[in-house]
Amino acid sequence: MIRPFSRAFAMIAASMYFMILAGCGGGDSSPTSPTPPTPTPPTPPPTPVATNITVAPSSHTLASIGATVQLTATVRDQNNNTMTGQTVTWTSSNTAVATVSGNGLVTAVSNGTARITAQSGSASGSANITVAEPVPTRIAVSPSSHTLAEIGATVQLTATVRDQRNSVMSGQTVTWSSGDETVATVSGAGLVTAVGNGMTEITAKSGSLSANATITVASPVATSLTIEPSSHTLEMIGATVQLTATVRDQHENVMSDVTVTWTSGDESVATVSDQGLVTAAGNGMAEITAQAGDAMGTAAITVSEPVATSLTIEPSSHTLEMIGSTVQLMATVLDQHDNVMADVTV
């Protein structure tokens, strides 16, 4: 007879046996490997997003209207990796200064500055564009003053035009004018010609710019004339004396090759040739005048040919005491200067 306690123990032991047997793979007595855990799949990387754009060049100056520059936009994602195939749109902050094409080609329109922006999604970058086509800002004339010493003399003036950066501009149209063409004229090329004494301003103009040069014409002008000798006495009819005229200009310089005209104030007393040779014509006094332009001078000519003005006889009285006796009388003739005249017929 089996006791209840023993029966329960037996049942528990049998259960444990079968559990161990099941865990060991039934009746197979060989050992088994543990089953590996199922791996967790990796987290997929985040989708690249445009977060930064750089534009090259970042700044540029266009030196003439119509000039162009190609800008390039580089798009990078949140990991700073370059992204390809991204759509980029281009805009200009001032299309009056510079425009930009859909490919980033910038074209200068007028002087000034503009910011060119490239955008892809919410990312953007920009470049500064300056348009600085040379603009005339100053003109100068050289020489700024000049003196022409004779009528017909010339001087070449030169006009230099500079832009806003003080650089010389070539090919600029310059017009020339004279303030007084009775003093000096100027050609279209800036060649000045003296016309008459005086002073005038020659103006060079380019667009709204202008500059002047002062031109003085100081051709020698006869301002004084002196005659040598300034006085002379001719002591016989037909006697001559050569007069010389010295002409000086406004600078007190002696003028050569100047025309001098000669005249006599009384040709019955003295005549004068075109060369200033004076000839006595009759007793008296005449003023000889030399003239060159507005300048003139005079010389006093006296013609004083001896003229018998008194006659004395020696002896002034005498008595002849017999018929046929003689006496020699001597006549002494004196001229107007009380000089004894010889070779005079009595």
Protein backbone atom coordinates (compact mmCIF):
# COMPACT_ATOMS: atom_id res chain seq x y z
CA MET A 1 0.00 0.00 0.00
CA ILE A 2 1.49 3.30 -1.15
CA ARG A 3 1.22 6.24 1.11
CA PRO A 4 -0.21 9.50 -0.19
CA PHE A 5 3.00 11.40 0.64
CA SER A 6 5.11 9.04 -1.34
CA ARG A 7 2.72 9.23 -4.35
CA ALA A 8 2.94 13.03 -4.46
CA PHE A 9 6.70 13.00 -4.27
CA ALA A 10 6.85 10.53 -7.12
CA MET A 11 4.66 12.70 -9.31
CA ILE A 12 6.76 15.77 -8.65
CA ALA A 13 9.95 13.93 -9.48
CA ALA A 14 8.47 12.60 -12.71
CA SER A 15 7.42 16.09 -13.77
CA MET A 16 10.90 17.46 -13.20
CA TYR A 17 12.39 14.62 -15.19
CA PHE A 18 10.28 15.30 -18.22
CA MET A 19 11.01 19.02 -18.01
CA ILE A 20 14.75 18.38 -17.96
CA LEU A 21 14.39 15.94 -20.78
CA ALA A 22 12.47 18.49 -22.86
CA GLY A 23 15.07 21.17 -22.20
CA CYS A 24 17.82 18.89 -23.37
CA GLY A 25 16.15 18.15 -26.69
CA GLY A 26 14.37 15.00 -25.94
CA GLY A 27 16.40 11.92 -25.95
CA ASP A 28 19.46 13.48 -27.74
CA SER A 29 22.31 13.55 -25.30
CA SER A 30 24.52 16.08 -27.37
CA PRO A 31 24.90 19.69 -26.07
CA THR A 32 23.11 22.68 -27.93
CA SER A 33 24.24 26.35 -28.71
CA PRO A 34 22.21 29.27 -27.31
CA THR A 35 19.99 31.06 -29.84
CA PRO A 36 21.48 34.62 -30.70
CA PRO A 37 19.24 37.66 -30.15
CA THR A 38 17.61 39.34 -33.17
CA PRO A 39 19.76 42.53 -34.14
CA THR A 40 18.15 46.00 -33.99
CA PRO A 41 18.07 47.63 -37.50
CA PRO A 42 20.32 50.89 -37.82
CA THR A 43 18.69 54.31 -37.68
CA PRO A 44 18.53 55.79 -41.24
CA PRO A 45 20.62 59.07 -41.74
CA PRO A 46 18.65 62.37 -41.85
CA THR A 47 17.72 63.72 -45.26
CA PRO A 48 20.28 66.39 -46.48
CA VAL A 49 18.85 69.87 -46.24
CA ALA A 50 20.39 73.00 -47.80
CA THR A 51 21.56 75.07 -44.87
CA ASN A 52 24.38 77.22 -46.26
CA ILE A 53 25.26 78.88 -49.59
CA THR A 54 28.50 80.60 -50.48
CA VAL A 55 28.81 82.81 -53.58
CA ALA A 56 32.11 83.24 -55.38
CA PRO A 57 33.49 85.75 -55.94
CA SER A 58 32.03 87.34 -52.83
CA SER A 59 32.68 90.82 -54.23
CA HIS A 60 33.61 92.21 -57.63
CA THR A 61 33.98 95.55 -59.42
CA LEU A 62 32.80 95.98 -63.01
CA ALA A 63 34.76 98.78 -64.68
CA SER A 64 32.38 99.54 -67.54
CA ILE A 65 28.70 99.48 -68.38
CA GLY A 66 27.82 96.16 -70.02
CA ALA A 67 30.71 94.30 -68.40
CA THR A 68 29.86 90.91 -66.87
CA VAL A 69 31.04 88.55 -64.17
CA GLN A 70 30.01 84.92 -63.57
CA LEU A 71 29.01 84.12 -60.00
CA THR A 72 28.99 80.55 -58.65
CA ALA A 73 26.86 79.31 -55.77
CA THR A 74 27.99 76.36 -53.60
CA VAL A 75 25.19 74.73 -51.56
CA ARG A 76 26.04 72.78 -48.38
CA ASP A 77 23.85 70.69 -46.11
CA GLN A 78 23.57 70.54 -42.34
CA ASN A 79 26.75 68.42 -42.25
CA ASN A 80 28.65 70.97 -44.37
CA ASN A 81 28.69 68.57 -47.29
CA THR A 82 28.43 70.01 -50.79
CA MET A 83 25.06 69.33 -52.38
CA THR A 84 24.73 68.85 -56.11
CA GLY A 85 21.76 69.30 -58.37
CA GLN A 86 20.18 71.91 -56.13
CA THR A 87 17.94 74.55 -57.67
CA VAL A 88 19.39 78.01 -57.10
CA THR A 89 17.57 81.25 -57.80
CA TRP A 90 19.42 84.53 -58.32
CA THR A 91 18.22 88.06 -57.57
CA SER A 92 19.70 91.58 -57.61
CA SER A 93 18.98 94.14 -54.93
CA ASN A 94 19.35 96.96 -57.47
CA THR A 95 18.65 96.09 -61.09
CA ALA A 96 19.32 99.72 -62.07
CA VAL A 97 22.98 99.03 -61.19
CA ALA A 98 23.40 95.34 -62.06
CA THR A 99 21.19 92.50 -63.30
CA VAL A 100 21.74 88.77 -62.82
CA SER A 101 20.67 85.85 -65.01
CA GLY A 102 19.25 82.54 -63.83
CA ASN A 103 22.75 81.10 -64.15
CA GLY A 104 24.41 83.79 -61.99
CA LEU A 105 25.82 85.94 -64.80
CA VAL A 106 25.92 89.54 -63.58
CA THR A 107 25.78 92.46 -66.05
CA ALA A 108 26.66 96.10 -65.21
CA VAL A 109 23.87 98.59 -65.96
CA SER A 110 25.02 101.83 -64.32
CA ASN A 111 27.47 103.05 -61.69
CA GLY A 112 26.65 102.11 -58.12
CA THR A 113 26.48 99.03 -55.88
CA ALA A 114 24.15 96.04 -55.79
CA ARG A 115 23.91 92.86 -53.71
CA ILE A 116 23.41 89.68 -55.73
CA THR A 117 21.67 86.91 -53.74
CA ALA A 118 21.63 83.18 -54.47
CA GLN A 119 18.87 81.13 -52.73
CA SER A 120 18.17 77.44 -52.48
CA GLY A 121 15.30 76.50 -50.21
CA SER A 122 15.66 78.52 -47.05
CA ALA A 123 19.44 78.93 -47.48
CA SER A 124 20.94 81.99 -49.15
CA GLY A 125 24.27 83.68 -49.82
CA SER A 126 25.25 86.93 -51.50
CA ALA A 127 27.99 88.85 -53.33
CA ASN A 128 28.62 92.59 -53.44
CA ILE A 129 28.87 94.05 -56.95
CA THR A 130 30.24 97.51 -57.65
CA VAL A 131 29.87 99.16 -61.06
CA ALA A 132 32.45 101.92 -61.50
CA GLU A 133 32.68 102.96 -65.13
CA PRO A 134 35.11 105.92 -65.41
CA VAL A 135 33.25 109.25 -65.29
CA PRO A 136 34.94 112.55 -66.18
CA THR A 137 35.20 114.65 -63.03
CA ARG A 138 38.01 117.11 -63.74
CA ILE A 139 39.72 118.82 -66.67
CA ALA A 140 42.95 120.81 -66.71
CA VAL A 141 44.65 122.86 -69.44
CA SER A 142 48.41 123.02 -69.88
CA PRO A 143 50.09 125.43 -69.99
CA SER A 144 47.67 127.34 -67.79
CA SER A 145 49.13 130.67 -68.96
CA HIS A 146 51.38 131.77 -71.80
CA THR A 147 52.65 134.96 -73.45
CA LEU A 148 52.93 135.23 -77.23
CA ALA A 149 55.60 137.79 -78.11
CA GLU A 150 54.47 138.60 -81.63
CA ILE A 151 51.44 138.61 -83.86
CA GLY A 152 51.04 135.25 -85.59
CA ALA A 153 52.96 133.35 -82.92
CA THR A 154 51.33 130.13 -81.71
CA VAL A 155 51.21 127.89 -78.66
CA GLN A 156 49.75 124.39 -78.35
CA LEU A 157 47.42 123.88 -75.39
CA THR A 158 46.63 120.41 -74.04
CA ALA A 159 43.51 119.41 -72.11
CA THR A 160 43.70 116.47 -69.68
CA VAL A 161 40.46 114.85 -68.50
CA ARG A 162 40.48 112.72 -65.32
CA ASP A 163 37.86 110.37 -63.86
CA GLN A 164 36.56 109.92 -60.31
CA ARG A 165 39.70 107.94 -59.42
CA ASN A 166 41.95 110.70 -60.80
CA SER A 167 42.99 108.47 -63.69
CA VAL A 168 43.60 110.11 -67.07
CA MET A 169 40.78 109.42 -69.54
CA SER A 170 41.65 109.07 -73.20
CA GLY A 171 39.37 109.57 -76.17
CA GLN A 172 37.32 112.34 -74.54
CA THR A 173 35.77 115.00 -76.78
CA VAL A 174 37.14 118.45 -75.95
CA THR A 175 35.90 121.71 -77.50
CA TRP A 176 37.99 124.90 -77.49
CA SER A 177 36.93 128.54 -77.53
CA SER A 178 38.53 131.99 -77.17
CA GLY A 179 37.12 134.72 -74.97
CA ASP A 180 38.42 137.42 -77.35
CA GLU A 181 39.29 136.46 -80.90
CA THR A 182 40.71 139.93 -81.58
CA VAL A 183 43.53 138.93 -79.23
CA ALA A 184 43.92 135.19 -79.96
CA THR A 185 42.10 132.44 -81.80
CA VAL A 186 42.15 128.71 -80.99
CA SER A 187 41.73 125.71 -83.27
CA GLY A 188 39.69 122.61 -82.58
CA ALA A 189 42.93 120.91 -81.55
CA GLY A 190 43.88 123.62 -79.00
CA LEU A 191 46.41 125.54 -81.14
CA VAL A 192 46.35 129.21 -80.12
CA THR A 193 47.37 131.96 -82.56
CA ALA A 194 48.14 135.56 -81.58
CA VAL A 195 46.00 138.13 -83.42
CA GLY A 196 46.45 141.39 -81.48
CA ASN A 197 47.97 142.64 -78.27
CA GLY A 198 45.95 142.03 -75.14
CA MET A 199 44.85 139.18 -72.90
CA THR A 200 42.16 136.53 -73.30
CA GLU A 201 40.97 133.29 -71.73
CA ILE A 202 41.06 130.09 -73.81
CA THR A 203 38.47 127.58 -72.57
CA ALA A 204 38.55 123.79 -72.95
CA LYS A 205 35.24 122.02 -72.34
CA SER A 206 34.38 118.32 -72.06
CA GLY A 207 30.78 117.58 -71.20
CA SER A 208 29.90 119.74 -68.20
CA LEU A 209 33.57 120.21 -67.27
CA SER A 210 35.66 123.21 -68.31
CA ALA A 211 39.04 124.79 -67.62
CA ASN A 212 40.82 127.93 -68.82
CA ALA A 213 44.26 129.08 -69.88
CA THR A 214 45.27 132.75 -69.82
CA ILE A 215 46.88 133.92 -73.06
CA THR A 216 48.69 137.25 -73.27
CA VAL A 217 49.73 138.67 -76.62
CA ALA A 218 52.52 141.20 -76.18
CA SER A 219 53.89 141.88 -79.62
CA PRO A 220 56.50 144.66 -79.50
CA VAL A 221 54.84 148.04 -80.04
CA ALA A 222 56.76 151.22 -80.72
CA THR A 223 56.19 153.45 -77.70
CA SER A 224 59.13 155.85 -77.90
CA LEU A 225 61.40 157.28 -80.60
CA THR A 226 64.51 159.40 -80.24
CA ILE A 227 66.54 161.13 -82.97
CA GLU A 228 70.27 161.67 -82.97
CA PRO A 229 71.45 164.33 -83.24
CA SER A 230 68.48 166.05 -81.68
CA SER A 231 69.61 169.39 -83.12
CA HIS A 232 72.10 170.48 -85.78
CA THR A 233 73.16 173.56 -87.71
CA LEU A 234 73.91 173.43 -91.42
CA GLU A 235 76.17 176.35 -92.38
CA MET A 236 75.63 176.36 -96.09
CA ILE A 237 72.93 175.64 -98.58
CA GLY A 238 73.19 172.04 -99.81
CA ALA A 239 74.97 170.84 -96.67
CA THR A 240 73.62 167.60 -95.21
CA VAL A 241 73.38 165.77 -91.93
CA GLN A 242 72.32 162.16 -91.32
CA LEU A 243 69.71 161.71 -88.61
CA THR A 244 69.22 158.33 -86.88
CA ALA A 245 65.98 157.22 -85.22
CA THR A 246 66.00 154.74 -82.32
CA VAL A 247 62.65 153.06 -81.67
CA ARG A 248 61.85 151.31 -78.38
CA ASP A 249 58.91 149.04 -77.49
CA GLN A 250 56.72 148.89 -74.40
CA HIS A 251 59.45 146.92 -72.65
CA GLU A 252 62.13 149.54 -73.44
CA ASN A 253 63.74 147.16 -75.91
CA VAL A 254 65.22 148.60 -79.10
CA MET A 255 63.14 147.58 -82.09
CA SER A 256 64.89 146.62 -85.29
CA ASP A 257 63.33 146.25 -88.73
CA VAL A 258 60.73 148.83 -87.84
CA THR A 259 59.48 151.25 -90.50
CA VAL A 260 60.25 154.90 -89.79
CA THR A 261 58.80 157.77 -91.82
CA TRP A 262 60.56 161.16 -92.00
CA THR A 263 59.00 164.57 -92.62
CA SER A 264 60.22 168.18 -92.58
CA GLY A 265 58.27 170.93 -90.95
CA ASP A 266 59.61 173.46 -93.49
CA GLU A 267 61.04 172.16 -96.71
CA SER A 268 62.10 175.67 -97.75
CA VAL A 269 64.67 175.43 -94.97
CA ALA A 270 65.55 171.69 -95.00
CA THR A 271 64.36 168.57 -96.70
CA VAL A 272 64.70 165.00 -95.40
CA SER A 273 64.95 161.70 -97.26
CA ASP A 274 63.24 158.40 -96.37
CA GLN A 275 66.51 157.40 -94.72
CA GLY A 276 66.69 160.54 -92.52
CA LEU A 277 69.27 162.47 -94.57
CA VAL A 278 68.62 166.21 -94.09
CA THR A 279 69.67 168.72 -96.75
CA ALA A 280 69.84 172.48 -96.21
CA ALA A 281 67.56 174.39 -98.59
CA GLY A 282 67.55 177.89 -97.16
CA ASN A 283 68.41 179.77 -94.06
CA GLY A 284 66.07 179.27 -91.17
CA MET A 285 65.00 176.56 -88.79
CA ALA A 286 62.94 173.43 -89.49
CA GLU A 287 61.72 170.58 -87.30
CA ILE A 288 62.41 167.14 -88.69
CA THR A 289 59.97 164.47 -87.46
CA ALA A 290 60.47 160.70 -87.43
CA GLN A 291 57.47 158.44 -86.75
CA ALA A 292 57.03 154.67 -86.18
CA GLY A 293 53.47 153.63 -85.42
CA ASP A 294 52.22 155.92 -82.67
CA ALA A 295 55.73 156.81 -81.53
CA MET A 296 57.46 159.92 -82.85
CA GLY A 297 60.45 162.15 -82.20
CA THR A 298 61.84 165.42 -83.57
CA ALA A 299 65.15 167.09 -84.32
CA ALA A 300 65.74 170.85 -84.71
CA ILE A 301 67.65 171.76 -87.87
CA THR A 302 69.06 175.21 -88.37
CA VAL A 303 70.34 176.33 -91.75
CA SER A 304 72.66 179.29 -91.32
CA GLU A 305 74.59 179.92 -94.53
CA PRO A 306 76.78 183.05 -94.10
CA VAL A 307 75.07 186.13 -95.50
CA ALA A 308 76.83 189.45 -95.89
CA THR A 309 75.20 191.72 -93.43
CA SER A 310 77.83 194.41 -93.03
CA LEU A 311 80.75 195.81 -95.01
CA THR A 312 83.44 198.15 -93.84
CA ILE A 313 86.05 199.93 -95.95
CA GLU A 314 89.47 200.83 -94.81
CA PRO A 315 90.49 203.47 -94.85
CA SER A 316 87.10 204.90 -94.34
CA SER A 317 88.40 208.23 -95.67
CA HIS A 318 91.49 209.40 -97.58
CA THR A 319 92.75 212.48 -99.43
CA LEU A 320 94.62 212.20 -102.72
CA GLU A 321 96.98 215.19 -103.06
CA MET A 322 97.81 214.97 -106.72
CA ILE A 323 96.31 213.95 -110.00
CA GLY A 324 97.08 210.31 -110.74
CA SER A 325 97.86 209.33 -107.19
CA THR A 326 96.10 206.19 -105.86
CA VAL A 327 94.92 204.64 -102.67
CA GLN A 328 94.00 201.00 -102.04
CA LEU A 329 90.75 200.53 -100.27
CA MET A 330 90.06 197.24 -98.43
CA ALA A 331 86.50 195.99 -98.00
CA THR A 332 85.71 193.71 -95.07
CA VAL A 333 82.44 191.82 -95.32
CA LEU A 334 80.84 190.39 -92.18
CA ASP A 335 78.04 187.81 -92.12
CA GLN A 336 75.05 187.62 -89.83
CA HIS A 337 77.27 186.15 -87.14
CA ASP A 338 79.79 188.97 -87.48
CA ASN A 339 82.20 186.55 -89.07
CA VAL A 340 84.48 187.90 -91.86
CA MET A 341 83.40 186.45 -95.15
CA ALA A 342 86.12 185.37 -97.51
CA ASP A 343 85.70 184.69 -101.19
CA VAL A 344 82.87 187.08 -101.35
CA THR A 345 82.43 189.25 -104.40
CA VAL A 346 82.56 192.94 -103.60
